[in-house]
PDB file of N, CA and C in Angstrom:
ATOM      1  N   MET A   1       7.003 -23.483 -19.224  1.00  0.00           N
ATOM      2  CA  MET A   1       6.846 -23.600 -17.985  1.00  0.00           C
ATOM      3  C   MET A   1       8.167 -23.681 -16.731  1.00  0.00           C
ATOM      4  N   GLY A   2       8.721 -24.105 -17.527  1.00  0.00           N
ATOM      5  CA  GLY A   2      10.375 -24.697 -17.133  1.00  0.00           C
ATOM      6  C   GLY A   2      11.360 -23.236 -16.798  1.00  0.00           C
ATOM      7  N   THR A   3      11.468 -22.767 -17.868  1.00  0.00           N
ATOM      8  CA  THR A   3      12.184 -20.924 -17.651  1.00  0.00           C
ATOM      9  C   THR A   3      11.263 -20.446 -16.954  1.00  0.00           C
ATOM     10  N   LYS A   4      10.443 -20.229 -16.689  1.00  0.00           N
ATOM     11  CA  LYS A   4       9.960 -18.943 -15.488  1.00  0.00           C
ATOM     12  C   LYS A   4       9.719 -20.229 -13.631  1.00  0.00           C
ATOM     13  N   ASP A   5      10.048 -20.720 -14.100  1.00  0.00           N
ATOM     14  CA  ASP A   5      10.437 -21.540 -12.892  1.00  0.00           C
ATOM     15  C   ASP A   5      11.690 -21.394 -12.887  1.00  0.00           C
ATOM     16  N   ASN A   6      12.759 -21.531 -13.529  1.00  0.00           N
ATOM     17  CA  ASN A   6      14.110 -21.730 -13.186  1.00  0.00           C
ATOM     18  C   ASN A   6      14.354 -19.901 -12.858  1.00  0.00           C
ATOM     19  N   LEU A   7      13.454 -19.014 -14.068  1.00  0.00           N
ATOM     20  CA  LEU A   7      13.774 -17.254 -13.698  1.00  0.00           C
ATOM     21  C   LEU A   7      13.381 -16.823 -12.315  1.00  0.00           C
ATOM     22  N   LEU A   8      12.560 -17.328 -11.834  1.00  0.00           N
ATOM     23  CA  LEU A   8      11.913 -17.136  -9.931  1.00  0.00           C
ATOM     24  C   LEU A   8      12.480 -17.185  -9.340  1.00  0.00           C
ATOM     25  N   ASN A   9      13.115 -19.063  -9.414  1.00  0.00           N
ATOM     26  CA  ASN A   9      14.574 -18.985  -8.383  1.00  0.00           C
ATOM     27  C   ASN A   9      15.736 -18.398  -8.760  1.00  0.00           C
ATOM     28  N   LYS A  10      15.928 -17.911  -9.839  1.00  0.00           N
ATOM     29  CA  LYS A  10      17.299 -16.860 -10.253  1.00  0.00           C
ATOM     30  C   LYS A  10      16.987 -16.150  -9.024  1.00  0.00           C
ATOM     31  N   LEU A  11      15.597 -15.202  -9.665  1.00  0.00           N
ATOM     32  CA  LEU A  11      15.543 -14.190  -8.923  1.00  0.00           C
ATOM     33  C   LEU A  11      15.172 -14.055  -6.891  1.00  0.00           C
ATOM     34  N   PHE A  12      14.397 -15.454  -7.066  1.00  0.00           N
ATOM     35  CA  PHE A  12      14.442 -15.328  -5.361  1.00  0.00           C
ATOM     36  C   PHE A  12      16.302 -15.041  -4.658  1.00  0.00           C
ATOM     37  N   ARG A  13      17.108 -16.355  -6.071  1.00  0.00           N
ATOM     38  CA  ARG A  13      17.883 -16.675  -4.689  1.00  0.00           C
ATOM     39  C   ARG A  13      18.864 -14.883  -4.834  1.00  0.00           C
ATOM     40  N   PHE A  14      18.377 -14.409  -5.696  1.00  0.00           N
ATOM     41  CA  PHE A  14      19.335 -13.224  -5.789  1.00  0.00           C
ATOM     42  C   PHE A  14      19.293 -12.125  -4.572  1.00  0.00           C
ATOM     43  N   TYR A  15      17.600 -12.124  -4.392  1.00  0.00           N
ATOM     44  CA  TYR A  15      17.437 -11.165  -3.597  1.00  0.00           C
ATOM     45  C   TYR A  15      17.847 -12.243  -1.815  1.00  0.00           C
ATOM     46  N   ILE A  16      18.095 -13.063  -1.587  1.00  0.00           N
ATOM     47  CA  ILE A  16      18.265 -14.024  -0.644  1.00  0.00           C
ATOM     48  C   ILE A  16      19.786 -13.630  -0.403  1.00  0.00           C
ATOM     49  N   ASP A  17      20.016 -13.474  -1.218  1.00  0.00           N
ATOM     50  CA  ASP A  17      21.899 -13.502  -1.216  1.00  0.00           C
ATOM     51  C   ASP A  17      22.533 -12.257  -0.712  1.00  0.00           C
ATOM     52  N   GLY A  18      21.600 -11.386  -1.284  1.00  0.00           N
ATOM     53  CA  GLY A  18      21.572 -10.067  -1.443  1.00  0.00           C
ATOM     54  C   GLY A  18      21.544  -9.317   0.221  1.00  0.00           C
ATOM     55  N   PHE A  19      20.314 -10.296   1.001  1.00  0.00           N
ATOM     56  CA  PHE A  19      19.871  -9.936   2.118  1.00  0.00           C
ATOM     57  C   PHE A  19      20.531 -10.543   3.571  1.00  0.00           C
ATOM     58  N   ARG A  20      21.603 -11.858   2.595  1.00  0.00           N
ATOM     59  CA  ARG A  20      22.236 -12.321   3.769  1.00  0.00           C
ATOM     60  C   ARG A  20      23.761 -11.822   3.156  1.00  0.00           C
ATOM     61  N   ASN A  21      23.913 -10.769   3.260  1.00  0.00           N
ATOM     62  CA  ASN A  21      25.723 -10.377   2.611  1.00  0.00           C
ATOM     63  C   ASN A  21      25.439  -9.096   2.762  1.00  0.00           C
ATOM     64  N   MET A  22      24.332  -8.711   3.512  1.00  0.00           N
ATOM     65  CA  MET A  22      24.332  -6.790   3.703  1.00  0.00           C
ATOM     66  C   MET A  22      24.860  -6.757   5.172  1.00  0.00           C
ATOM     67  N   SER A  23      25.107  -5.679   4.946  1.00  0.00           N
ATOM     68  CA  SER A  23      25.974  -5.208   6.415  1.00  0.00           C
ATOM     69  C   SER A  23      25.148  -5.317   7.470  1.00  0.00           C
ATOM     70  N   GLY A  24      25.489  -4.696   8.674  1.00  0.00           N
ATOM     71  CA  GLY A  24      24.350  -4.701   9.725  1.00  0.00           C
ATOM     72  C   GLY A  24      23.165  -3.299   9.744  1.00  0.00           C
ATOM     73  N   TRP A  25      24.653  -2.007   9.174  1.00  0.00           N
ATOM     74  CA  TRP A  25      23.853  -1.150   8.585  1.00  0.00           C
ATOM     75  C   TRP A  25      22.498  -0.998   7.825  1.00  0.00           C
ATOM     76  N   GLY A  26      22.856  -1.674   7.217  1.00  0.00           N
ATOM     77  CA  GLY A  26      21.737  -2.370   5.519  1.00  0.00           C
ATOM     78  C   GLY A  26      20.405  -3.207   6.434  1.00  0.00           C
ATOM     79  N   ARG A  27      20.501  -3.692   7.010  1.00  0.00           N
ATOM     80  CA  ARG A  27      19.869  -4.523   7.821  1.00  0.00           C
ATOM     81  C   ARG A  27      19.442  -3.500   8.273  1.00  0.00           C
ATOM     82  N   LYS A  28      19.742  -2.894   9.484  1.00  0.00           N
ATOM     83  CA  LYS A  28      19.046  -1.670  10.545  1.00  0.00           C
ATOM     84  C   LYS A  28      18.361  -0.914   9.026  1.00  0.00           C
ATOM     85  N   VAL A  29      18.801  -0.564   8.658  1.00  0.00           N
ATOM     86  CA  VAL A  29      17.511   0.427   7.824  1.00  0.00           C
ATOM     87  C   VAL A  29      16.429   0.015   6.883  1.00  0.00           C
ATOM     88  N   TRP A  30      16.442  -1.486   7.189  1.00  0.00           N
ATOM     89  CA  TRP A  30      15.253  -2.429   6.186  1.00  0.00           C
ATOM     90  C   TRP A  30      14.242  -2.426   7.246  1.00  0.00           C
ATOM     91  N   ILE A  31      15.154  -2.599   8.568  1.00  0.00           N
ATOM     92  CA  ILE A  31      14.160  -2.988  10.133  1.00  0.00           C
ATOM     93  C   ILE A  31      13.586  -1.714   9.970  1.00  0.00           C
ATOM     94  N   ILE A  32      13.944  -0.151  10.196  1.00  0.00           N
ATOM     95  CA  ILE A  32      13.376   0.831  10.321  1.00  0.00           C
ATOM     96  C   ILE A  32      12.271   0.947   8.772  1.00  0.00           C
ATOM     97  N   ILE A  33      12.945   0.642   7.933  1.00  0.00           N
ATOM     98  CA  ILE A  33      11.881   0.817   6.949  1.00  0.00           C
ATOM     99  C   ILE A  33      10.209   0.138   6.793  1.00  0.00           C
ATOM    100  N   ILE A  34       9.948  -1.467   7.382  1.00  0.00           N
ATOM    101  CA  ILE A  34       9.422  -2.371   7.507  1.00  0.00           C
ATOM    102  C   ILE A  34       8.813  -1.891   8.857  1.00  0.00           C
ATOM    103  N   ILE A  35       9.192  -1.145   9.651  1.00  0.00           N
ATOM    104  CA  ILE A  35       8.103  -0.454  10.659  1.00  0.00           C
ATOM    105  C   ILE A  35       7.356   0.094  10.606  1.00  0.00           C
ATOM    106  N   LYS A  36       8.081   1.621   9.520  1.00  0.00           N
ATOM    107  CA  LYS A  36       7.164   2.605   9.735  1.00  0.00           C
ATOM    108  C   LYS A  36       5.928   2.017   8.667  1.00  0.00           C
ATOM    109  N   LEU A  37       6.532   0.938   7.313  1.00  0.00           N
ATOM    110  CA  LEU A  37       5.565   0.386   6.597  1.00  0.00           C
ATOM    111  C   LEU A  37       4.748  -0.203   7.085  1.00  0.00           C
ATOM    112  N   PHE A  38       4.790  -1.449   8.436  1.00  0.00           N
ATOM    113  CA  PHE A  38       3.565  -1.224   9.361  1.00  0.00           C
ATOM    114  C   PHE A  38       2.673  -0.314   9.793  1.00  0.00           C
ATOM    115  N   ILE A  39       3.183   0.856  10.196  1.00  0.00           N
ATOM    116  CA  ILE A  39       2.594   2.206  10.770  1.00  0.00           C
ATOM    117  C   ILE A  39       1.780   1.998  10.037  1.00  0.00           C
ATOM    118  N   MET A  40       2.122   2.882   8.844  1.00  0.00           N
ATOM    119  CA  MET A  40       1.433   3.943   7.380  1.00  0.00           C
ATOM    120  C   MET A  40       0.656   2.980   7.137  1.00  0.00           C
ATOM    121  N   PHE A  41       0.338   1.003   7.133  1.00  0.00           N
ATOM    122  CA  PHE A  41      -0.817   0.600   6.429  1.00  0.00           C
ATOM    123  C   PHE A  41      -1.095  -0.262   7.793  1.00  0.00           C
ATOM    124  N   ALA A  42      -0.981  -0.806   8.492  1.00  0.00           N
ATOM    125  CA  ALA A  42      -1.696  -1.530   9.411  1.00  0.00           C
ATOM    126  C   ALA A  42      -2.148   0.030  10.926  1.00  0.00           C
ATOM    127  N   ILE A  43      -1.577   0.610  11.627  1.00  0.00           N
ATOM    128  CA  ILE A  43      -2.063   0.934  12.638  1.00  0.00           C
ATOM    129  C   ILE A  43      -2.946   2.470  12.120  1.00  0.00           C
ATOM    130  N   LEU A  44      -2.261   3.322  10.653  1.00  0.00           N
ATOM    131  CA  LEU A  44      -3.221   4.635  10.615  1.00  0.00           C
ATOM    132  C   LEU A  44      -4.712   3.975  10.113  1.00  0.00           C
ATOM    133  N   ARG A  45      -4.683   3.342   9.045  1.00  0.00           N
ATOM    134  CA  ARG A  45      -5.838   2.498   8.414  1.00  0.00           C
ATOM    135  C   ARG A  45      -6.572   2.453   9.288  1.00  0.00           C
ATOM    136  N   ILE A  46      -6.378   1.175  10.868  1.00  0.00           N
ATOM    137  CA  ILE A  46      -7.239   1.090  11.889  1.00  0.00           C
ATOM    138  C   ILE A  46      -7.785   2.905  12.428  1.00  0.00           C
ATOM    139  N   PHE A  47      -7.395   3.353  12.901  1.00  0.00           N
ATOM    140  CA  PHE A  47      -7.194   4.899  13.615  1.00  0.00           C
ATOM    141  C   PHE A  47      -8.256   5.792  12.506  1.00  0.00           C
ATOM    142  N   PHE A  48      -7.893   5.733  10.880  1.00  0.00           N
ATOM    143  CA  PHE A  48      -7.826   6.727  10.237  1.00  0.00           C
ATOM    144  C   PHE A  48      -9.226   6.075   8.719  1.00  0.00           C
ATOM    145  N   PHE A  49      -8.451   5.234   8.378  1.00  0.00           N
ATOM    146  CA  PHE A  49      -9.604   5.312   7.755  1.00  0.00           C
ATOM    147  C   PHE A  49     -10.572   3.805   7.593  1.00  0.00           C
ATOM    148  N   GLN A  50     -11.670   4.168   8.543  1.00  0.00           N
ATOM    149  CA  GLN A  50     -12.554   2.905   8.917  1.00  0.00           C
ATOM    150  C   GLN A  50     -13.676   2.398   8.011  1.00  0.00           C
ATOM    151  N   GLY A  51     -13.532   2.599   6.554  1.00  0.00           N
ATOM    152  CA  GLY A  51     -14.241   2.095   5.465  1.00  0.00           C
ATOM    153  C   GLY A  51     -15.743   3.236   6.141  1.00  0.00           C
ATOM    154  N   PHE A  52     -15.516   4.480   5.749  1.00  0.00           N
ATOM    155  CA  PHE A  52     -16.277   5.859   6.045  1.00  0.00           C
ATOM    156  C   PHE A  52     -17.118   5.414   4.920  1.00  0.00           C
ATOM    157  N   LEU A  53     -17.111   4.991   3.740  1.00  0.00           N
ATOM    158  CA  LEU A  53     -18.180   4.811   2.399  1.00  0.00           C
ATOM    159  C   LEU A  53     -19.328   3.489   2.953  1.00  0.00           C
ATOM    160  N   TYR A  54     -18.550   2.107   3.247  1.00  0.00           N
ATOM    161  CA  TYR A  54     -19.603   1.556   3.520  1.00  0.00           C
ATOM    162  C   TYR A  54     -20.169   1.467   4.348  1.00  0.00           C
ATOM    163  N   LYS A  55     -19.685   2.189   5.246  1.00  0.00           N
ATOM    164  CA  LYS A  55     -21.012   2.581   6.722  1.00  0.00           C
ATOM    165  C   LYS A  55     -21.672   3.305   6.750  1.00  0.00           C
ATOM    166  N   ASN A  56     -21.930   3.774   6.085  1.00  0.00           N
ATOM    167  CA  ASN A  56     -22.578   5.242   5.417  1.00  0.00           C
ATOM    168  C   ASN A  56     -23.374   5.466   3.916  1.00  0.00           C
ATOM    169  N   PHE A  57     -23.186   4.505   3.220  1.00  0.00           N
ATOM    170  CA  PHE A  57     -23.783   3.750   1.729  1.00  0.00           C
ATOM    171  C   PHE A  57     -23.949   2.612   1.996  1.00  0.00           C
ATOM    172  N   SER A  58     -25.247   2.368   1.535  1.00  0.00           N
ATOM    173  CA  SER A  58     -25.937   0.722   1.627  1.00  0.00           C
ATOM    174  C   SER A  58     -25.540   0.061   0.246  1.00  0.00           C
ATOM    175  N   ASN A  59     -24.857   0.842  -0.986  1.00  0.00           N
ATOM    176  CA  ASN A  59     -24.822   0.149  -1.956  1.00  0.00           C
ATOM    177  C   ASN A  59     -23.540   0.566  -3.225  1.00  0.00           C
ATOM    178  N   ASP A  60     -23.008   0.272  -3.707  1.00  0.00           N
ATOM    179  CA  ASP A  60     -21.947   0.841  -4.714  1.00  0.00           C
ATOM    180  C   ASP A  60     -22.367   1.900  -5.582  1.00  0.00           C
ATOM    181  N   LYS A  61     -23.287   2.272  -5.893  1.00  0.00           N
ATOM    182  CA  LYS A  61     -24.415   3.070  -6.817  1.00  0.00           C
ATOM    183  C   LYS A  61     -23.976   3.991  -5.817  1.00  0.00           C
ATOM    184  N   GLU A  62     -24.457   4.129  -4.379  1.00  0.00           N
ATOM    185  CA  GLU A  62     -24.508   5.031  -3.702  1.00  0.00           C
ATOM    186  C   GLU A  62     -22.968   5.610  -3.053  1.00  0.00           C
ATOM    187  N   ARG A  63     -22.000   5.040  -3.202  1.00  0.00           N
ATOM    188  CA  ARG A  63     -20.637   4.486  -2.687  1.00  0.00           C
ATOM    189  C   ARG A  63     -19.815   5.519  -4.057  1.00  0.00           C
ATOM    190  N   SER A  64     -20.452   5.388  -4.822  1.00  0.00           N
ATOM    191  CA  SER A  64     -19.463   6.317  -6.522  1.00  0.00           C
ATOM    192  C   SER A  64     -20.620   7.341  -6.676  1.00  0.00           C
ATOM    193  N   GLU A  65     -21.647   7.784  -6.640  1.00  0.00           N
ATOM    194  CA  GLU A  65     -21.864   8.856  -6.093  1.00  0.00           C
ATOM    195  C   GLU A  65     -21.621  10.041  -5.665  1.00  0.00           C
ATOM    196  N   HIS A  66     -21.427   9.723  -4.043  1.00  0.00           N
ATOM    197  CA  HIS A  66     -21.271  10.382  -3.540  1.00  0.00           C
ATOM    198  C   HIS A  66     -19.210  10.670  -3.415  1.00  0.00           C
ATOM    199  N   VAL A  67     -18.515   9.666  -3.996  1.00  0.00           N
ATOM    200  CA  VAL A  67     -17.260   9.826  -4.088  1.00  0.00           C
ATOM    201  C   VAL A  67     -17.203  10.790  -5.493  1.00  0.00           C
ATOM    202  N   LEU A  68     -17.908  10.701  -6.090  1.00  0.00           N
ATOM    203  CA  LEU A  68     -17.777  11.948  -7.884  1.00  0.00           C
ATOM    204  C   LEU A  68     -18.506  12.852  -7.428  1.00  0.00           C
ATOM    205  N   ASN A  69     -19.240  13.025  -6.764  1.00  0.00           N
ATOM    206  CA  ASN A  69     -19.705  14.857  -5.789  1.00  0.00           C
ATOM    207  C   ASN A  69     -18.388  15.551  -5.352  1.00  0.00           C
ATOM    208  N   GLN A  70     -18.583  14.201  -4.452  1.00  0.00           N
ATOM    209  CA  GLN A  70     -16.998  15.021  -3.604  1.00  0.00           C
ATOM    210  C   GLN A  70     -15.611  15.312  -4.207  1.00  0.00           C
ATOM    211  N   LEU A  71     -15.364  15.061  -5.453  1.00  0.00           N
ATOM    212  CA  LEU A  71     -14.606  14.877  -6.456  1.00  0.00           C
ATOM    213  C   LEU A  71     -14.790  16.548  -7.543  1.00  0.00           C
ATOM    214  N   ILE A  72     -16.153  16.176  -7.774  1.00  0.00           N
ATOM    215  CA  ILE A  72     -16.346  17.048  -8.620  1.00  0.00           C
ATOM    216  C   ILE A  72     -16.317  19.079  -7.794  1.00  0.00           C
ATOM    217  N   ASN A  73     -16.985  18.780  -6.415  1.00  0.00           N
ATOM    218  CA  ASN A  73     -16.884  19.858  -5.323  1.00  0.00           C
ATOM    219  C   ASN A  73     -15.668  20.246  -5.284  1.00  0.00           C
ATOM    220  N   GLN A  74     -14.954  19.706  -4.823  1.00  0.00           N
ATOM    221  CA  GLN A  74     -13.314  19.910  -4.856  1.00  0.00           C
ATOM    222  C   GLN A  74     -12.190  20.344  -5.794  1.00  0.00           C
ATOM    223  N   THR A  75     -13.184  20.271  -7.286  1.00  0.00           N
ATOM    224  CA  THR A  75     -12.826  20.117  -8.589  1.00  0.00           C
ATOM    225  C   THR A  75     -13.206  22.380  -8.495  1.00  0.00           C
ATOM    226  N   ASP A  76     -14.085  22.276  -8.557  1.00  0.00           N
ATOM    227  CA  ASP A  76     -14.647  23.664  -8.394  1.00  0.00           C
ATOM    228  C   ASP A  76     -14.287  24.908  -6.742  1.00  0.00           C
ATOM    229  N   LEU A  77     -14.133  24.123  -6.532  1.00  0.00           N
ATOM    230  CA  LEU A  77     -13.252  24.599  -4.285  1.00  0.00           C
ATOM    231  C   LEU A  77     -11.934  25.214  -5.305  1.00  0.00           C
ATOM    232  N   HIS A  78     -11.204  24.795  -6.841  1.00  0.00           N
ATOM    233  CA  HIS A  78      -9.886  24.837  -7.254  1.00  0.00           C
ATOM    234  C   HIS A  78      -9.991  26.084  -7.801  1.00  0.00           C
ATOM    235  N   ASP A  79     -11.116  26.118  -8.142  1.00  0.00           N
ATOM    236  CA  ASP A  79     -10.570  26.817  -9.799  1.00  0.00           C
ATOM    237  C   ASP A  79     -11.549  28.056  -9.628  1.00  0.00           C
ATOM    238  N   ARG A  80     -11.830  28.049  -8.236  1.00  0.00           N
ATOM    239  CA  ARG A  80     -12.205  29.945  -7.843  1.00  0.00           C
ATOM    240  C   ARG A  80     -10.864  31.019  -7.907  1.00  0.00           C
TER     241      ARG A  80
END
């Protein structure tokens, strides 16, 4: 287990040192990336992906059948 901890510690230190030595331009780019990820995964999920399957279907079997039917219908439309 010691070598695994040592490897994780080296890897962690590698990234920490890289971020510490990063230029101001690089830090600004990472801030923009983090803001974009936050918008994509937090904000858009709240407004556009509100658990359609959980609201409209009562169990996993109904949910899976709906998804399967949607996939089959989409495939049929593209094959025409």
